[in-house]
Amino acid sequence: MSDSGEAMQARTREIERMAAEARGEAVSENGEVRVVAKAGGRIEELDLRMSAFELSGVELGELIVSTLRTAEDQLDAQLTSAIQAAMGSLGAFTEEEGSR
Protein backbone atom coordinates (compact mmCIF):
# COMPACT_ATOMS: atom_id res chain seq x y z
CA MET A 1 0.00 0.00 0.00
CA SER A 2 1.31 3.49 -0.79
CA ASP A 3 2.37 5.89 1.93
CA SER A 4 -0.58 8.17 1.12
CA GLY A 5 -3.02 5.23 1.35
CA GLU A 6 -1.59 4.25 4.72
CA ALA A 7 -1.75 7.86 5.87
CA MET A 8 -5.40 8.07 4.82
CA GLN A 9 -6.23 4.88 6.72
CA ALA A 10 -4.42 6.20 9.78
CA ARG A 11 -6.35 9.48 9.57
CA THR A 12 -9.62 7.59 9.17
CA ARG A 13 -8.87 5.55 12.30
CA GLU A 14 -7.95 8.74 14.14
CA ILE A 15 -11.22 10.42 13.13
CA GLU A 16 -13.18 7.34 14.22
CA ARG A 17 -11.36 7.37 17.57
CA MET A 18 -12.06 11.07 18.05
CA ALA A 19 -15.74 10.56 17.24
CA ALA A 20 -15.99 7.70 19.74
CA GLU A 21 -14.29 9.70 22.50
CA ALA A 22 -15.77 13.15 21.84
CA ARG A 23 -18.24 14.62 24.28
CA GLY A 24 -20.19 17.83 24.36
CA GLU A 25 -21.21 19.28 27.70
CA ALA A 26 -23.72 22.00 28.48
CA VAL A 27 -25.30 23.45 31.59
CA SER A 28 -28.58 25.36 31.52
CA GLU A 29 -28.44 29.09 32.20
CA ASN A 30 -29.42 28.78 35.86
CA GLY A 31 -27.65 25.47 36.42
CA GLU A 32 -30.74 23.29 36.85
CA VAL A 33 -29.71 20.84 34.09
CA ARG A 34 -26.33 19.51 32.97
CA VAL A 35 -26.01 17.23 29.93
CA VAL A 36 -23.05 15.37 28.45
CA ALA A 37 -23.72 14.17 24.89
CA LYS A 38 -21.78 11.75 22.71
CA ALA A 39 -21.81 11.27 18.97
CA GLY A 40 -24.87 9.63 17.51
CA GLY A 41 -27.26 11.54 19.76
CA ARG A 42 -26.41 9.50 22.85
CA ILE A 43 -26.75 11.08 26.26
CA GLU A 44 -23.88 10.03 28.49
CA GLU A 45 -24.89 12.03 31.55
CA LEU A 46 -27.96 13.94 32.66
CA ASP A 47 -27.77 15.76 35.98
CA LEU A 48 -30.71 17.58 37.53
CA ARG A 49 -30.21 19.93 40.46
CA MET A 50 -32.88 20.26 43.13
CA SER A 51 -33.99 23.55 41.58
CA ALA A 52 -35.00 21.63 38.43
CA PHE A 53 -37.83 20.01 40.37
CA GLU A 54 -39.38 23.41 41.00
CA LEU A 55 -40.18 23.62 37.28
CA SER A 56 -43.30 22.16 35.70
CA GLY A 57 -42.88 18.94 33.76
CA VAL A 58 -43.21 20.81 30.47
CA GLU A 59 -40.65 23.45 31.51
CA LEU A 60 -38.20 20.82 32.70
CA GLY A 61 -38.61 18.82 29.51
CA GLU A 62 -38.00 21.90 27.36
CA LEU A 63 -34.96 22.83 29.45
CA ILE A 64 -33.49 19.34 29.11
CA VAL A 65 -34.01 19.36 25.33
CA SER A 66 -32.54 22.86 24.99
CA THR A 67 -29.50 21.97 27.10
CA LEU A 68 -29.02 18.75 25.15
CA ARG A 69 -29.07 20.68 21.86
CA THR A 70 -26.40 23.03 23.20
CA ALA A 71 -24.24 20.05 24.20
CA GLU A 72 -24.74 18.48 20.76
CA ASP A 73 -23.80 21.78 19.08
CA GLN A 74 -20.60 21.88 21.13
CA LEU A 75 -19.87 18.26 20.20
CA ASP A 76 -20.50 18.96 16.51
CA ALA A 77 -18.14 21.95 16.60
CA GLN A 78 -15.42 19.86 18.28
CA LEU A 79 -15.74 17.06 15.75
CA THR A 80 -15.85 19.41 12.78
CA SER A 81 -12.71 21.15 13.96
CA ALA A 82 -10.90 17.86 14.62
CA ILE A 83 -11.90 16.40 11.24
CA GLN A 84 -10.86 19.55 9.40
CA ALA A 85 -7.49 19.47 11.16
CA ALA A 86 -7.02 15.79 10.33
CA MET A 87 -8.04 16.26 6.71
CA GLY A 88 -5.89 19.37 6.40
CA SER A 89 -2.80 17.52 7.53
CA LEU A 90 -3.68 14.69 5.16
CA GLY A 91 -4.02 17.19 2.31
CA ALA A 92 -0.57 18.58 3.06
CA PHE A 93 0.82 15.04 3.03
CA THR A 94 -0.80 14.12 -0.30
CA GLU A 95 0.40 17.39 -1.88
CA GLU A 96 3.96 16.40 -0.92
CA GLU A 97 3.38 12.99 -2.52
CA GLY A 98 2.16 14.62 -5.75
CA SER A 99 5.21 16.88 -6.00
CA ARG A 100 7.63 13.93 -5.98
C-alpha atoms as a PDB file:
ATOM      1  CA  MET A   1       0.000   0.000   0.000  1.00  0.00           C
ATOM      2  CA  SER A   2       1.314   3.489  -0.791  1.00  0.00           C
ATOM      3  CA  ASP A   3       2.372   5.888   1.931  1.00  0.00           C
ATOM      4  CA  SER A   4      -0.584   8.173   1.123  1.00  0.00           C
ATOM      5  CA  GLY A   5      -3.015   5.232   1.352  1.00  0.00           C
ATOM      6  CA  GLU A   6      -1.587   4.247   4.719  1.00  0.00           C
ATOM      7  CA  ALA A   7      -1.747   7.857   5.874  1.00  0.00           C
ATOM      8  CA  MET A   8      -5.400   8.073   4.824  1.00  0.00           C
ATOM      9  CA  GLN A   9      -6.228   4.884   6.720  1.00  0.00           C
ATOM     10  CA  ALA A  10      -4.415   6.197   9.782  1.00  0.00           C
ATOM     11  CA  ARG A  11      -6.353   9.483   9.574  1.00  0.00           C
ATOM     12  CA  THR A  12      -9.618   7.592   9.167  1.00  0.00           C
ATOM     13  CA  ARG A  13      -8.873   5.554  12.296  1.00  0.00           C
ATOM     14  CA  GLU A  14      -7.951   8.742  14.144  1.00  0.00           C
ATOM     15  CA  ILE A  15     -11.223  10.418  13.130  1.00  0.00           C
ATOM     16  CA  GLU A  16     -13.181   7.336  14.217  1.00  0.00           C
ATOM     17  CA  ARG A  17     -11.357   7.369  17.567  1.00  0.00           C
ATOM     18  CA  MET A  18     -12.062  11.073  18.048  1.00  0.00           C
ATOM     19  CA  ALA A  19     -15.739  10.559  17.243  1.00  0.00           C
ATOM     20  CA  ALA A  20     -15.986   7.696  19.740  1.00  0.00           C
ATOM     21  CA  GLU A  21     -14.290   9.699  22.505  1.00  0.00           C
ATOM     22  CA  ALA A  22     -15.768  13.148  21.842  1.00  0.00           C
ATOM     23  CA  ARG A  23     -18.244  14.615  24.281  1.00  0.00           C
ATOM     24  CA  GLY A  24     -20.189  17.835  24.362  1.00  0.00           C
ATOM     25  CA  GLU A  25     -21.213  19.277  27.699  1.00  0.00           C
ATOM     26  CA  ALA A  26     -23.724  22.000  28.478  1.00  0.00           C
ATOM     27  CA  VAL A  27     -25.304  23.452  31.591  1.00  0.00           C
ATOM     28  CA  SER A  28     -28.581  25.363  31.517  1.00  0.00           C
ATOM     29  CA  GLU A  29     -28.442  29.086  32.204  1.00  0.00           C
ATOM     30  CA  ASN A  30     -29.422  28.781  35.864  1.00  0.00           C
ATOM     31  CA  GLY A  31     -27.655  25.465  36.415  1.00  0.00           C
ATOM     32  CA  GLU A  32     -30.736  23.287  36.847  1.00  0.00           C
ATOM     33  CA  VAL A  33     -29.714  20.841  34.092  1.00  0.00           C
ATOM     34  CA  ARG A  34     -26.329  19.506  32.967  1.00  0.00           C
ATOM     35  CA  VAL A  35     -26.009  17.232  29.934  1.00  0.00           C
ATOM     36  CA  VAL A  36     -23.053  15.370  28.445  1.00  0.00           C
ATOM     37  CA  ALA A  37     -23.719  14.174  24.889  1.00  0.00           C
ATOM     38  CA  LYS A  38     -21.779  11.745  22.714  1.00  0.00           C
ATOM     39  CA  ALA A  39     -21.806  11.273  18.970  1.00  0.00           C
ATOM     40  CA  GLY A  40     -24.868   9.633  17.505  1.00  0.00           C
ATOM     41  CA  GLY A  41     -27.256  11.544  19.759  1.00  0.00           C
ATOM     42  CA  ARG A  42     -26.410   9.501  22.849  1.00  0.00           C
ATOM     43  CA  ILE A  43     -26.755  11.078  26.264  1.00  0.00           C
ATOM     44  CA  GLU A  44     -23.881  10.028  28.488  1.00  0.00           C
ATOM     45  CA  GLU A  45     -24.889  12.033  31.555  1.00  0.00           C
ATOM     46  CA  LEU A  46     -27.957  13.944  32.658  1.00  0.00           C
ATOM     47  CA  ASP A  47     -27.770  15.764  35.984  1.00  0.00           C
ATOM     48  CA  LEU A  48     -30.709  17.582  37.531  1.00  0.00           C
ATOM     49  CA  ARG A  49     -30.213  19.932  40.460  1.00  0.00           C
ATOM     50  CA  MET A  50     -32.877  20.261  43.133  1.00  0.00           C
ATOM     51  CA  SER A  51     -33.992  23.553  41.579  1.00  0.00           C
ATOM     52  CA  ALA A  52     -34.998  21.629  38.435  1.00  0.00           C
ATOM     53  CA  PHE A  53     -37.829  20.009  40.365  1.00  0.00           C
ATOM     54  CA  GLU A  54     -39.379  23.415  41.004  1.00  0.00           C
ATOM     55  CA  LEU A  55     -40.183  23.622  37.278  1.00  0.00           C
ATOM     56  CA  SER A  56     -43.297  22.165  35.704  1.00  0.00           C
ATOM     57  CA  GLY A  57     -42.883  18.937  33.764  1.00  0.00           C
ATOM     58  CA  VAL A  58     -43.207  20.808  30.467  1.00  0.00           C
ATOM     59  CA  GLU A  59     -40.653  23.453  31.506  1.00  0.00           C
ATOM     60  CA  LEU A  60     -38.201  20.823  32.698  1.00  0.00           C
ATOM     61  CA  GLY A  61     -38.610  18.821  29.506  1.00  0.00           C
ATOM     62  CA  GLU A  62     -38.000  21.904  27.362  1.00  0.00           C
ATOM     63  CA  LEU A  63     -34.960  22.835  29.452  1.00  0.00           C
ATOM     64  CA  ILE A  64     -33.489  19.341  29.111  1.00  0.00           C
ATOM     65  CA  VAL A  65     -34.008  19.363  25.331  1.00  0.00           C
ATOM     66  CA  SER A  66     -32.544  22.860  24.991  1.00  0.00           C
ATOM     67  CA  THR A  67     -29.499  21.967  27.098  1.00  0.00           C
ATOM     68  CA  LEU A  68     -29.021  18.749  25.145  1.00  0.00           C
ATOM     69  CA  ARG A  69     -29.069  20.678  21.861  1.00  0.00           C
ATOM     70  CA  THR A  70     -26.404  23.030  23.198  1.00  0.00           C
ATOM     71  CA  ALA A  71     -24.243  20.047  24.204  1.00  0.00           C
ATOM     72  CA  GLU A  72     -24.737  18.483  20.763  1.00  0.00           C
ATOM     73  CA  ASP A  73     -23.801  21.779  19.077  1.00  0.00           C
ATOM     74  CA  GLN A  74     -20.604  21.878  21.129  1.00  0.00           C
ATOM     75  CA  LEU A  75     -19.868  18.259  20.200  1.00  0.00           C
ATOM     76  CA  ASP A  76     -20.495  18.962  16.508  1.00  0.00           C
ATOM     77  CA  ALA A  77     -18.144  21.952  16.603  1.00  0.00           C
ATOM     78  CA  GLN A  78     -15.422  19.861  18.277  1.00  0.00           C
ATOM     79  CA  LEU A  79     -15.739  17.062  15.754  1.00  0.00           C
ATOM     80  CA  THR A  80     -15.852  19.413  12.782  1.00  0.00           C
ATOM     81  CA  SER A  81     -12.706  21.149  13.956  1.00  0.00           C
ATOM     82  CA  ALA A  82     -10.902  17.865  14.616  1.00  0.00           C
ATOM     83  CA  ILE A  83     -11.905  16.403  11.245  1.00  0.00           C
ATOM     84  CA  GLN A  84     -10.859  19.550   9.399  1.00  0.00           C
ATOM     85  CA  ALA A  85      -7.492  19.468  11.160  1.00  0.00           C
ATOM     86  CA  ALA A  86      -7.024  15.787  10.326  1.00  0.00           C
ATOM     87  CA  MET A  87      -8.036  16.257   6.710  1.00  0.00           C
ATOM     88  CA  GLY A  88      -5.888  19.372   6.404  1.00  0.00           C
ATOM     89  CA  SER A  89      -2.799  17.521   7.527  1.00  0.00           C
ATOM     90  CA  LEU A  90      -3.679  14.692   5.159  1.00  0.00           C
ATOM     91  CA  GLY A  91      -4.019  17.194   2.307  1.00  0.00           C
ATOM     92  CA  ALA A  92      -0.568  18.578   3.061  1.00  0.00           C
ATOM     93  CA  PHE A  93       0.816  15.040   3.027  1.00  0.00           C
ATOM     94  CA  THR A  94      -0.801  14.124  -0.301  1.00  0.00           C
ATOM     95  CA  GLU A  95       0.400  17.392  -1.878  1.00  0.00           C
ATOM     96  CA  GLU A  96       3.955  16.403  -0.917  1.00  0.00           C
ATOM     97  CA  GLU A  97       3.380  12.992  -2.522  1.00  0.00           C
ATOM     98  CA  GLY A  98       2.164  14.617  -5.746  1.00  0.00           C
ATOM     99  CA  SER A  99       5.214  16.875  -5.996  1.00  0.00           C
ATOM    100  CA  ARG A 100       7.629  13.930  -5.983  1.00  0.00           C
END
